[in-house]
N, C-alpha and C. Protein backbone atom coordinates (compact mmCIF):
# COMPACT_ATOMS: atom_id res chain seq x y z
N UNK A 1 0.82 -1.18 0.00
CA UNK A 1 0.00 0.00 0.00
C UNK A 1 0.87 1.24 0.00
N UNK A 2 0.41 2.24 -0.69
CA UNK A 2 1.15 3.49 -0.80
C UNK A 2 0.44 4.54 0.05
N UNK A 3 1.15 5.15 0.96
CA UNK A 3 0.58 6.19 1.81
C UNK A 3 0.51 7.48 1.01
N UNK A 4 -0.73 8.00 0.82
CA UNK A 4 -0.86 9.22 0.03
C UNK A 4 -1.16 10.44 0.89
N UNK A 5 -1.45 10.24 2.18
CA UNK A 5 -1.69 11.38 3.06
C UNK A 5 -1.42 10.93 4.49
N UNK A 6 -0.64 11.71 5.21
CA UNK A 6 -0.36 11.31 6.57
C UNK A 6 -0.15 12.56 7.41
N UNK A 7 -1.05 12.79 8.36
CA UNK A 7 -0.83 13.82 9.36
C UNK A 7 -1.33 13.28 10.69
N UNK A 8 -1.34 14.11 11.69
CA UNK A 8 -1.68 13.62 13.03
C UNK A 8 -3.14 13.18 13.15
N UNK A 9 -4.04 13.63 12.25
CA UNK A 9 -5.46 13.30 12.37
C UNK A 9 -5.92 12.27 11.35
N UNK A 10 -5.27 12.21 10.18
CA UNK A 10 -5.78 11.40 9.09
C UNK A 10 -4.67 10.58 8.46
N UNK A 11 -4.99 9.35 8.10
CA UNK A 11 -4.08 8.50 7.36
C UNK A 11 -4.90 7.82 6.27
N UNK A 12 -4.78 8.30 5.04
CA UNK A 12 -5.50 7.72 3.91
C UNK A 12 -4.51 6.92 3.09
N UNK A 13 -4.90 5.72 2.73
CA UNK A 13 -4.00 4.83 2.02
C UNK A 13 -4.60 4.42 0.69
N UNK A 14 -3.80 4.38 -0.34
CA UNK A 14 -4.21 3.93 -1.66
C UNK A 14 -4.20 2.41 -1.64
N UNK A 15 -5.38 1.80 -1.64
CA UNK A 15 -5.47 0.35 -1.55
C UNK A 15 -5.85 -0.22 -2.91
N UNK A 16 -5.39 -1.42 -3.19
CA UNK A 16 -5.73 -2.11 -4.43
C UNK A 16 -7.22 -2.41 -4.46
N UNK A 17 -7.84 -2.19 -5.61
CA UNK A 17 -9.26 -2.48 -5.79
C UNK A 17 -9.40 -3.69 -6.69
N UNK A 18 -10.37 -4.54 -6.40
CA UNK A 18 -10.65 -5.69 -7.25
C UNK A 18 -11.59 -5.32 -8.40
N UNK A 19 -12.03 -4.08 -8.45
CA UNK A 19 -12.91 -3.61 -9.51
C UNK A 19 -12.07 -3.28 -10.73
N UNK A 20 -12.32 -3.96 -11.84
CA UNK A 20 -11.52 -3.76 -13.03
C UNK A 20 -12.10 -2.72 -13.96
N UNK A 21 -11.26 -2.20 -14.83
CA UNK A 21 -11.68 -1.19 -15.80
C UNK A 21 -12.61 -1.76 -16.85
N UNK A 22 -12.71 -3.08 -16.93
CA UNK A 22 -13.58 -3.69 -17.93
C UNK A 22 -14.96 -4.03 -17.38
N UNK A 23 -15.24 -3.67 -16.13
CA UNK A 23 -16.54 -3.97 -15.53
C UNK A 23 -17.54 -2.85 -15.79
N UNK A 24 -18.82 -3.21 -15.98
CA UNK A 24 -19.86 -2.19 -16.16
C UNK A 24 -19.95 -1.25 -14.96
N UNK A 25 -20.39 -0.03 -15.22
CA UNK A 25 -20.53 0.97 -14.17
C UNK A 25 -21.75 1.84 -14.46
N UNK A 26 -22.22 2.55 -13.44
CA UNK A 26 -23.41 3.40 -13.56
C UNK A 26 -23.02 4.86 -13.68
N UNK A 27 -23.80 5.61 -14.47
CA UNK A 27 -23.68 7.06 -14.59
C UNK A 27 -25.07 7.66 -14.54
N UNK A 28 -25.14 8.90 -14.09
CA UNK A 28 -26.40 9.63 -14.09
C UNK A 28 -26.41 10.60 -15.27
N UNK A 29 -27.53 10.61 -16.00
CA UNK A 29 -27.69 11.53 -17.13
C UNK A 29 -27.91 12.92 -16.57
N UNK A 30 -27.13 13.90 -17.01
CA UNK A 30 -27.15 15.22 -16.39
C UNK A 30 -27.79 16.31 -17.24
N UNK A 31 -28.26 15.97 -18.44
CA UNK A 31 -28.94 16.98 -19.25
C UNK A 31 -30.11 16.35 -20.00
N UNK A 32 -30.76 17.14 -20.84
CA UNK A 32 -31.95 16.66 -21.55
C UNK A 32 -31.67 16.34 -23.02
N UNK A 33 -30.42 16.20 -23.40
CA UNK A 33 -30.07 15.99 -24.81
C UNK A 33 -30.53 14.65 -25.36
N UNK A 34 -30.83 13.69 -24.48
CA UNK A 34 -31.25 12.36 -24.93
C UNK A 34 -32.69 12.04 -24.53
N UNK A 35 -33.44 13.09 -24.16
CA UNK A 35 -34.85 12.87 -23.85
C UNK A 35 -35.61 12.64 -25.15
N UNK A 36 -36.59 11.84 -25.20
CA UNK A 36 -37.37 11.32 -24.10
C UNK A 36 -36.94 9.91 -23.67
N UNK A 37 -36.09 9.27 -24.43
CA UNK A 37 -35.63 7.92 -24.09
C UNK A 37 -34.85 7.90 -22.77
N UNK A 38 -34.01 8.91 -22.55
CA UNK A 38 -33.18 8.99 -21.35
C UNK A 38 -33.42 10.33 -20.66
N UNK A 39 -34.40 10.39 -19.76
CA UNK A 39 -34.68 11.67 -19.09
C UNK A 39 -33.52 12.12 -18.20
N UNK A 40 -33.43 13.42 -18.03
CA UNK A 40 -32.43 13.99 -17.11
C UNK A 40 -32.56 13.31 -15.76
N UNK A 41 -31.44 12.98 -15.17
CA UNK A 41 -31.31 12.35 -13.85
C UNK A 41 -31.54 10.84 -13.84
N UNK A 42 -31.86 10.22 -14.98
CA UNK A 42 -31.98 8.76 -14.98
C UNK A 42 -30.58 8.15 -14.85
N UNK A 43 -30.54 6.88 -14.51
CA UNK A 43 -29.28 6.15 -14.35
C UNK A 43 -29.10 5.21 -15.54
N UNK A 44 -27.90 5.21 -16.11
CA UNK A 44 -27.58 4.27 -17.18
C UNK A 44 -26.41 3.40 -16.75
N UNK A 45 -26.42 2.17 -17.23
CA UNK A 45 -25.31 1.24 -16.99
C UNK A 45 -24.50 1.17 -18.27
N UNK A 46 -23.20 1.40 -18.13
CA UNK A 46 -22.27 1.45 -19.26
C UNK A 46 -21.39 0.20 -19.25
N UNK A 47 -21.29 -0.45 -20.40
CA UNK A 47 -20.36 -1.57 -20.56
C UNK A 47 -19.15 -1.04 -21.34
N UNK A 48 -18.00 -0.91 -20.68
CA UNK A 48 -16.83 -0.32 -21.34
C UNK A 48 -16.14 -1.23 -22.36
N UNK A 49 -16.51 -2.50 -22.41
CA UNK A 49 -15.86 -3.41 -23.35
C UNK A 49 -16.81 -3.92 -24.43
N UNK A 50 -18.07 -3.49 -24.42
CA UNK A 50 -19.02 -3.91 -25.44
C UNK A 50 -18.63 -3.33 -26.80
N UNK A 51 -18.89 -4.08 -27.84
CA UNK A 51 -18.64 -3.58 -29.19
C UNK A 51 -19.72 -2.59 -29.58
N UNK A 52 -19.31 -1.49 -30.15
CA UNK A 52 -20.24 -0.46 -30.59
C UNK A 52 -20.79 -0.82 -31.96
N UNK A 53 -22.12 -0.86 -32.05
CA UNK A 53 -22.78 -1.14 -33.32
C UNK A 53 -23.60 0.07 -33.74
N UNK A 54 -23.95 0.12 -35.00
CA UNK A 54 -24.78 1.19 -35.52
C UNK A 54 -26.07 1.29 -34.70
N UNK A 55 -26.43 2.49 -34.32
CA UNK A 55 -27.63 2.84 -33.55
C UNK A 55 -27.54 2.51 -32.06
N UNK A 56 -26.36 2.14 -31.56
CA UNK A 56 -26.18 1.97 -30.12
C UNK A 56 -26.16 3.33 -29.43
N UNK A 57 -26.55 3.34 -28.16
CA UNK A 57 -26.39 4.51 -27.31
C UNK A 57 -25.02 4.39 -26.66
N UNK A 58 -24.18 5.41 -26.83
CA UNK A 58 -22.78 5.31 -26.43
C UNK A 58 -22.32 6.54 -25.66
N UNK A 59 -21.24 6.34 -24.91
CA UNK A 59 -20.45 7.44 -24.36
C UNK A 59 -19.17 7.48 -25.17
N UNK A 60 -18.88 8.65 -25.72
CA UNK A 60 -17.75 8.83 -26.63
C UNK A 60 -16.93 10.02 -26.17
N UNK A 61 -15.62 9.90 -26.26
CA UNK A 61 -14.77 11.06 -26.07
C UNK A 61 -14.33 11.53 -27.45
N UNK A 62 -14.62 12.81 -27.73
CA UNK A 62 -14.31 13.37 -29.03
C UNK A 62 -13.92 14.83 -28.85
N UNK A 63 -12.78 15.19 -29.36
CA UNK A 63 -12.30 16.56 -29.31
C UNK A 63 -12.21 17.09 -27.87
N UNK A 64 -11.80 16.20 -26.96
CA UNK A 64 -11.61 16.58 -25.57
C UNK A 64 -12.89 16.66 -24.73
N UNK A 65 -14.03 16.25 -25.31
CA UNK A 65 -15.32 16.32 -24.61
C UNK A 65 -15.94 14.93 -24.60
N UNK A 66 -16.62 14.60 -23.51
CA UNK A 66 -17.35 13.33 -23.43
C UNK A 66 -18.82 13.56 -23.75
N UNK A 67 -19.34 12.73 -24.66
CA UNK A 67 -20.70 12.87 -25.16
C UNK A 67 -21.50 11.60 -24.91
N UNK A 68 -22.77 11.75 -24.57
CA UNK A 68 -23.73 10.65 -24.52
C UNK A 68 -24.69 10.86 -25.68
N UNK A 69 -24.63 9.98 -26.66
CA UNK A 69 -25.42 10.14 -27.88
C UNK A 69 -25.72 8.78 -28.51
N UNK A 70 -26.53 8.81 -29.54
CA UNK A 70 -26.79 7.64 -30.37
C UNK A 70 -25.74 7.63 -31.48
N UNK A 71 -25.08 6.49 -31.67
CA UNK A 71 -24.04 6.35 -32.68
C UNK A 71 -24.68 5.89 -33.99
N UNK A 72 -24.47 6.66 -35.05
CA UNK A 72 -25.01 6.32 -36.36
C UNK A 72 -23.87 6.29 -37.36
N UNK A 73 -23.81 5.22 -38.14
CA UNK A 73 -22.83 5.12 -39.23
C UNK A 73 -23.59 4.85 -40.52
N UNK A 74 -23.34 5.69 -41.52
CA UNK A 74 -23.96 5.48 -42.83
C UNK A 74 -22.96 5.82 -43.92
N UNK A 75 -23.42 5.89 -45.16
CA UNK A 75 -22.51 6.11 -46.28
C UNK A 75 -21.81 7.47 -46.25
N UNK A 76 -22.34 8.42 -45.49
CA UNK A 76 -21.71 9.75 -45.42
C UNK A 76 -20.78 9.92 -44.23
N UNK A 77 -20.74 8.93 -43.31
CA UNK A 77 -19.83 9.03 -42.18
C UNK A 77 -20.40 8.48 -40.89
N UNK A 78 -19.74 8.85 -39.80
CA UNK A 78 -20.13 8.43 -38.44
C UNK A 78 -20.59 9.66 -37.69
N UNK A 79 -21.69 9.51 -36.95
CA UNK A 79 -22.32 10.64 -36.30
C UNK A 79 -22.72 10.31 -34.87
N UNK A 80 -22.73 11.34 -34.02
CA UNK A 80 -23.34 11.27 -32.70
C UNK A 80 -24.63 12.08 -32.78
N UNK A 81 -25.74 11.41 -32.52
CA UNK A 81 -27.05 12.02 -32.71
C UNK A 81 -27.75 12.18 -31.37
N UNK A 82 -28.13 13.39 -31.00
CA UNK A 82 -28.95 13.57 -29.80
C UNK A 82 -30.39 13.19 -30.13
N UNK A 83 -31.16 12.76 -29.14
CA UNK A 83 -32.57 12.46 -29.37
C UNK A 83 -33.43 13.70 -29.25
N UNK A 84 -32.92 14.71 -28.57
CA UNK A 84 -33.61 15.98 -28.41
C UNK A 84 -33.18 16.89 -29.56
N UNK A 85 -34.14 17.33 -30.38
CA UNK A 85 -33.83 18.14 -31.56
C UNK A 85 -33.22 19.51 -31.26
N UNK A 86 -33.20 19.91 -30.00
CA UNK A 86 -32.61 21.20 -29.65
C UNK A 86 -31.08 21.16 -29.67
N UNK A 87 -30.51 19.96 -29.78
CA UNK A 87 -29.05 19.79 -29.77
C UNK A 87 -28.58 19.38 -31.16
N UNK A 88 -27.37 19.82 -31.56
CA UNK A 88 -26.87 19.48 -32.90
C UNK A 88 -26.28 18.07 -32.96
N UNK A 89 -26.31 17.49 -34.15
CA UNK A 89 -25.59 16.24 -34.35
C UNK A 89 -24.12 16.56 -34.55
N UNK A 90 -23.28 15.57 -34.29
CA UNK A 90 -21.83 15.76 -34.40
C UNK A 90 -21.28 14.75 -35.40
N UNK A 91 -20.65 15.24 -36.45
CA UNK A 91 -19.98 14.34 -37.40
C UNK A 91 -18.59 14.03 -36.86
N UNK A 92 -18.29 12.75 -36.77
CA UNK A 92 -17.01 12.31 -36.21
C UNK A 92 -15.96 12.14 -37.30
N UNK A 93 -14.70 12.45 -36.93
CA UNK A 93 -13.59 12.02 -37.76
C UNK A 93 -13.01 10.79 -37.05
N UNK A 94 -11.81 10.42 -37.34
CA UNK A 94 -11.25 9.20 -36.75
C UNK A 94 -10.60 9.41 -35.38
N UNK A 95 -10.80 10.58 -34.77
CA UNK A 95 -10.12 10.87 -33.50
C UNK A 95 -11.05 10.73 -32.30
N UNK A 96 -11.97 9.79 -32.33
CA UNK A 96 -12.88 9.59 -31.20
C UNK A 96 -12.58 8.26 -30.52
N UNK A 97 -12.98 8.16 -29.26
CA UNK A 97 -12.84 6.93 -28.49
C UNK A 97 -14.19 6.56 -27.90
N UNK A 98 -14.60 5.32 -28.13
CA UNK A 98 -15.82 4.82 -27.50
C UNK A 98 -15.45 4.49 -26.05
N UNK A 99 -16.08 5.18 -25.11
CA UNK A 99 -15.85 4.94 -23.69
C UNK A 99 -16.67 3.74 -23.22
N UNK A 100 -17.86 3.60 -23.78
CA UNK A 100 -18.71 2.48 -23.42
C UNK A 100 -20.05 2.56 -24.10
N UNK A 101 -20.77 1.44 -24.04
CA UNK A 101 -22.09 1.30 -24.65
C UNK A 101 -23.12 1.15 -23.54
N UNK A 102 -24.24 1.86 -23.68
CA UNK A 102 -25.32 1.76 -22.69
C UNK A 102 -25.97 0.39 -22.84
N UNK A 103 -26.05 -0.35 -21.73
CA UNK A 103 -26.67 -1.67 -21.74
C UNK A 103 -27.95 -1.71 -20.92
N UNK A 104 -28.19 -0.65 -20.12
CA UNK A 104 -29.37 -0.64 -19.26
C UNK A 104 -29.65 0.78 -18.80
N UNK A 105 -30.94 1.09 -18.56
CA UNK A 105 -31.29 2.35 -17.93
C UNK A 105 -32.29 2.08 -16.81
N UNK A 106 -32.31 3.01 -15.84
CA UNK A 106 -33.23 2.93 -14.73
C UNK A 106 -33.89 4.30 -14.60
N UNK A 107 -35.21 4.33 -14.84
CA UNK A 107 -35.99 5.56 -14.71
C UNK A 107 -37.07 5.28 -13.68
N UNK A 108 -36.96 5.92 -12.53
CA UNK A 108 -37.94 5.73 -11.45
C UNK A 108 -38.16 4.25 -11.14
N UNK A 109 -37.05 3.51 -11.07
CA UNK A 109 -37.02 2.08 -10.74
C UNK A 109 -37.59 1.18 -11.82
N UNK A 110 -37.84 1.72 -13.00
CA UNK A 110 -38.24 0.90 -14.15
C UNK A 110 -36.98 0.67 -14.98
N UNK A 111 -36.60 -0.60 -15.13
CA UNK A 111 -35.34 -0.94 -15.80
C UNK A 111 -35.62 -1.39 -17.23
N UNK A 112 -34.81 -0.86 -18.14
CA UNK A 112 -34.86 -1.23 -19.55
C UNK A 112 -33.48 -1.69 -19.98
N UNK A 113 -33.42 -2.83 -20.68
CA UNK A 113 -32.15 -3.35 -21.18
C UNK A 113 -32.01 -3.03 -22.67
N UNK A 114 -30.76 -2.81 -23.10
CA UNK A 114 -30.49 -2.52 -24.51
C UNK A 114 -29.55 -3.56 -25.07
C-alpha cells in the first residue's frame, strides 16, 4: 500500500481495488439531450468493453469532450445524434474513443435493457 496522506489526524491509504476497468458501471444523465428515451437524472449502466454497433447509445470522447449520444454510421460518415432536436448532431472524424455502450437504464425504478 502506498501512503498518500499522513498527518496527526488522518491516514488515507491507496489500496488495491478488485474492480476492473472492464466492468460495467453506472452514470447519471445530467442533461436533456437524450430525452425522451433517457430523461435527465436517470441512471444508465455502461459496458466499457461492449462492441459499438450502428444505432447503439454510447459514451464517446471526441475533441476533448465526453458525449452521450446515439451512434449512427452510414454512407456519409459516423455521427453522434442527440434524441432531443434542440441539440446538434456531431460528425465524427477518426479521432474519437468509445468509452462504453449503454446496456441498461433505470428511470424511477423501471429498468430497460439494450
